[in-house]
Protein backbone atom coordinates (compact mmCIF):
# COMPACT_ATOMS: atom_id res chain seq x y z
CA MET A 1 10.49 -47.32 -40.44
CA LYS A 2 8.12 -44.32 -41.02
CA ALA A 3 10.10 -40.93 -40.56
CA PRO A 4 8.62 -38.46 -38.20
CA ILE A 5 6.93 -35.42 -39.80
CA GLU A 6 7.28 -32.08 -38.22
CA THR A 7 4.10 -29.93 -38.66
CA GLU A 8 4.26 -26.17 -37.63
CA ILE A 9 3.36 -22.49 -38.40
CA LYS A 10 5.15 -19.31 -37.50
CA ILE A 11 3.08 -16.24 -36.34
CA PRO A 12 4.66 -12.84 -36.36
CA VAL A 13 3.88 -11.01 -33.12
CA GLU A 14 4.43 -7.38 -31.88
CA SER A 15 6.22 -8.25 -28.79
CA ALA A 16 7.44 -10.97 -26.59
CA ALA A 17 5.92 -9.51 -23.59
CA GLY A 18 2.51 -9.27 -25.47
CA ALA A 19 2.90 -12.83 -26.66
CA ARG A 20 3.91 -14.29 -23.23
CA ALA A 21 0.82 -12.67 -21.72
CA LEU A 22 -1.62 -13.97 -24.53
CA LEU A 23 -0.15 -17.69 -23.96
CA ARG A 24 -0.66 -17.30 -20.31
CA ARG A 25 -4.24 -16.07 -20.70
CA CYS A 26 -4.97 -19.04 -22.95
CA GLY A 27 -3.68 -21.62 -20.23
CA PHE A 28 -0.06 -22.11 -21.61
CA LYS A 29 2.73 -22.71 -19.06
CA VAL A 30 6.53 -22.47 -19.59
CA ARG A 31 7.95 -26.00 -20.69
CA ALA A 32 11.46 -24.87 -21.19
CA ARG A 33 12.76 -21.51 -19.87
CA ARG A 34 14.18 -18.75 -22.16
CA VAL A 35 17.53 -19.89 -23.84
CA PHE A 36 19.86 -18.43 -26.43
CA GLU A 37 20.16 -20.63 -29.53
CA GLN A 38 22.94 -20.62 -32.15
CA ASN A 39 21.80 -22.32 -35.26
CA ILE A 40 24.35 -23.30 -38.01
CA VAL A 41 22.86 -24.40 -41.26
CA LEU A 42 25.32 -26.55 -43.27
CA ASP A 43 25.56 -27.22 -46.79
CA ASP A 44 28.23 -28.42 -49.40
CA SER A 45 30.19 -25.94 -51.57
CA GLY A 46 27.67 -26.16 -54.37
CA GLY A 47 24.73 -25.50 -52.01
CA SER A 48 23.23 -28.89 -53.07
CA LEU A 49 21.11 -29.29 -49.95
CA ARG A 50 19.41 -25.98 -50.21
CA ALA A 51 18.86 -26.54 -53.86
CA ARG A 52 16.86 -29.79 -53.04
CA GLY A 53 14.98 -28.18 -50.26
CA LEU A 54 16.83 -30.04 -47.62
CA LEU A 55 18.30 -28.74 -44.34
CA LEU A 56 21.21 -29.87 -42.16
CA ARG A 57 21.57 -27.91 -38.95
CA VAL A 58 23.56 -27.93 -35.75
CA ARG A 59 21.92 -26.15 -32.86
CA ALA A 60 23.50 -25.06 -29.60
CA ALA A 61 21.11 -24.13 -26.81
CA GLY A 62 21.75 -23.90 -23.13
CA GLY A 63 24.61 -26.45 -23.27
CA ALA A 64 22.84 -28.93 -25.37
CA VAL A 65 23.96 -29.71 -29.12
CA THR A 66 21.21 -31.01 -31.52
CA CYS A 67 21.95 -32.21 -35.07
CA THR A 68 18.87 -32.01 -37.30
CA TYR A 69 18.00 -33.16 -40.76
CA LYS A 70 14.72 -31.92 -42.52
CA GLY A 71 13.46 -33.12 -45.75
CA PRO A 72 11.64 -31.05 -48.50
CA SER A 73 8.47 -29.30 -47.59
CA LEU A 74 5.34 -31.38 -48.12
CA ALA A 75 2.19 -29.99 -49.69
CA GLY A 76 -0.38 -28.20 -47.32
CA ARG A 77 -1.23 -25.03 -45.66
CA HIS A 78 1.09 -25.84 -42.62
CA LYS A 79 4.82 -26.26 -42.78
CA ARG A 80 5.37 -30.02 -42.93
CA ARG A 81 8.67 -31.91 -43.41
CA VAL A 82 10.32 -35.16 -42.46
CA GLU A 83 12.65 -34.40 -39.37
CA GLN A 84 15.32 -36.49 -37.77
CA GLU A 85 17.36 -35.39 -34.92
CA PHE A 86 19.92 -36.64 -32.43
CA GLY A 87 21.97 -35.21 -29.68
CA ALA A 88 25.64 -34.55 -29.53
CA THR A 89 27.99 -33.39 -26.82
CA ASP A 90 30.46 -30.98 -28.45
CA LEU A 91 29.58 -28.34 -30.91
CA LYS A 92 32.99 -27.99 -32.38
CA ALA A 93 33.59 -31.57 -32.87
CA CYS A 94 30.23 -31.96 -34.38
CA LEU A 95 30.98 -29.13 -36.82
CA ALA A 96 34.33 -30.56 -37.57
CA LEU A 97 32.85 -33.99 -38.28
CA PHE A 98 30.45 -32.52 -40.63
CA GLU A 99 33.16 -30.27 -42.28
CA GLY A 100 35.33 -33.30 -42.76
CA ILE A 101 32.52 -34.90 -45.18
CA GLY A 102 32.14 -31.69 -47.03
CA PHE A 103 29.42 -29.70 -45.02
CA ARG A 104 30.21 -26.18 -43.79
CA GLU A 105 28.32 -23.31 -42.45
CA SER A 106 26.26 -21.63 -45.00
CA PHE A 107 24.03 -19.71 -42.82
CA ARG A 108 23.77 -18.71 -39.07
CA TYR A 109 20.83 -17.70 -37.16
CA GLU A 110 20.38 -16.75 -33.54
CA LYS A 111 17.39 -16.45 -31.37
CA TYR A 112 16.14 -16.59 -27.79
CA ARG A 113 13.51 -19.32 -27.51
CA THR A 114 11.09 -20.04 -24.69
CA GLU A 115 8.83 -23.27 -24.96
CA TYR A 116 5.21 -23.45 -23.77
CA GLU A 117 2.63 -26.21 -23.44
CA ARG A 118 -0.98 -26.95 -21.92
CA ALA A 119 -1.28 -30.08 -19.91
CA GLY A 120 -2.82 -32.90 -21.93
CA GLU A 121 -2.23 -31.56 -25.27
CA GLY A 122 -0.06 -32.94 -28.16
CA GLY A 123 1.14 -29.79 -29.40
CA HIS A 124 3.39 -27.04 -27.98
CA ALA A 125 4.09 -23.26 -28.60
CA THR A 126 7.43 -21.47 -28.81
CA LEU A 127 8.26 -17.87 -28.61
CA ASP A 128 11.42 -17.05 -30.69
CA GLU A 129 12.90 -13.57 -30.26
CA THR A 130 15.09 -12.98 -33.27
CA PRO A 131 17.13 -10.04 -34.72
CA ILE A 132 14.42 -9.53 -37.40
CA GLY A 133 11.27 -9.87 -35.06
CA VAL A 134 9.27 -11.95 -32.59
CA PHE A 135 7.66 -15.25 -33.75
CA MET A 136 5.38 -17.43 -32.17
CA GLU A 137 5.54 -21.08 -33.33
CA LEU A 138 2.81 -23.67 -33.03
CA GLU A 139 3.83 -27.23 -33.48
CA GLY A 140 1.78 -30.43 -33.27
CA ALA A 141 -0.98 -32.11 -35.26
CA ALA A 142 -2.54 -30.03 -37.97
CA GLY A 143 -6.03 -29.73 -36.12
CA TRP A 144 -4.31 -28.77 -32.81
CA ILE A 145 -2.49 -26.03 -34.65
CA ASP A 146 -5.74 -24.70 -36.49
CA ARG A 147 -7.68 -24.64 -33.29
CA THR A 148 -4.85 -23.19 -31.12
CA ALA A 149 -4.19 -20.46 -33.60
CA ALA A 150 -7.76 -19.62 -33.81
CA GLU A 151 -7.93 -19.66 -29.94
CA LEU A 152 -5.00 -17.23 -29.80
CA GLY A 153 -6.67 -14.89 -32.41
CA PHE A 154 -4.66 -15.79 -35.44
CA GLY A 155 -6.35 -16.82 -38.71
CA PRO A 156 -4.53 -18.49 -41.45
CA GLU A 157 -3.77 -15.19 -43.22
CA ALA A 158 -1.35 -14.57 -40.14
CA TRP A 159 0.54 -17.80 -40.62
CA VAL A 160 3.98 -18.18 -41.85
CA THR A 161 5.49 -21.29 -43.21
CA SER A 162 8.82 -19.77 -44.45
CA SER A 163 12.12 -20.74 -42.88
CA TYR A 164 13.98 -18.35 -40.86
CA ALA A 165 16.66 -18.03 -43.65
CA SER A 166 13.90 -17.17 -46.07
CA LEU A 167 12.37 -14.59 -43.68
CA TYR A 168 15.77 -13.14 -43.02
CA LEU A 169 16.48 -12.89 -46.81
CA ALA A 170 13.15 -11.09 -47.28
CA TRP A 171 13.91 -8.67 -44.30
CA CYS A 172 17.35 -7.83 -45.72
CA ALA A 173 15.92 -7.18 -49.18
CA LYS A 174 13.11 -4.98 -47.53
CA LYS A 175 15.79 -2.93 -45.52
CA ARG A 176 18.24 -2.95 -48.43
CA ARG A 177 20.90 -4.70 -46.23
CA MET A 178 23.46 -7.16 -47.46
CA PRO A 179 22.69 -10.59 -45.85
CA THR A 180 25.35 -11.76 -43.42
CA GLY A 181 23.60 -13.93 -41.11
CA MET A 182 20.59 -13.48 -38.86
CA THR A 183 22.58 -12.72 -35.67
CA PHE A 184 22.31 -10.25 -32.76
CA PRO A 185 24.95 -7.33 -32.70
CA LYS A 186 27.97 -8.26 -30.76
CA THR A 187 28.57 -6.33 -27.54
CA THR A 188 32.11 -5.38 -26.58
């Protein structure tokens, strides 16, 4: 069985409002409304998954729970990885199951995500509002990503293929902050 390959890029943008307007001007429509996501990256006590370039993540978003495995990055100018996902019904039970086999939370990141698409196209765009900035993601076939990024006004020099964990660690280093998790400030 051939494993599905996820192909994507991130593009840092100035603002969510500006990115929404740009996507609308280019014919994109909302596919999934803005939703808050908690992303919990799991690893064993030795960090062996991260050391091998693997990702095990549990995501809670809008009442849905998704478990994701991503393989090591494949060579190329886009971020490409094997990706396997399945849905679960209970976040706490899912995390307890993984903890029972030795995988605990190693990193948490939050974002507000809105998904966009254009009719008849195989790819889609997402708008991620994170504690470290706003990012547009383009996911689909490499040719679709290249054409769509150019149409939106972004050349390869604007593309980012790093994970949110890597982007967060770089942000913390730049701001001289101790990494604690890419989460929004808690309100009381």
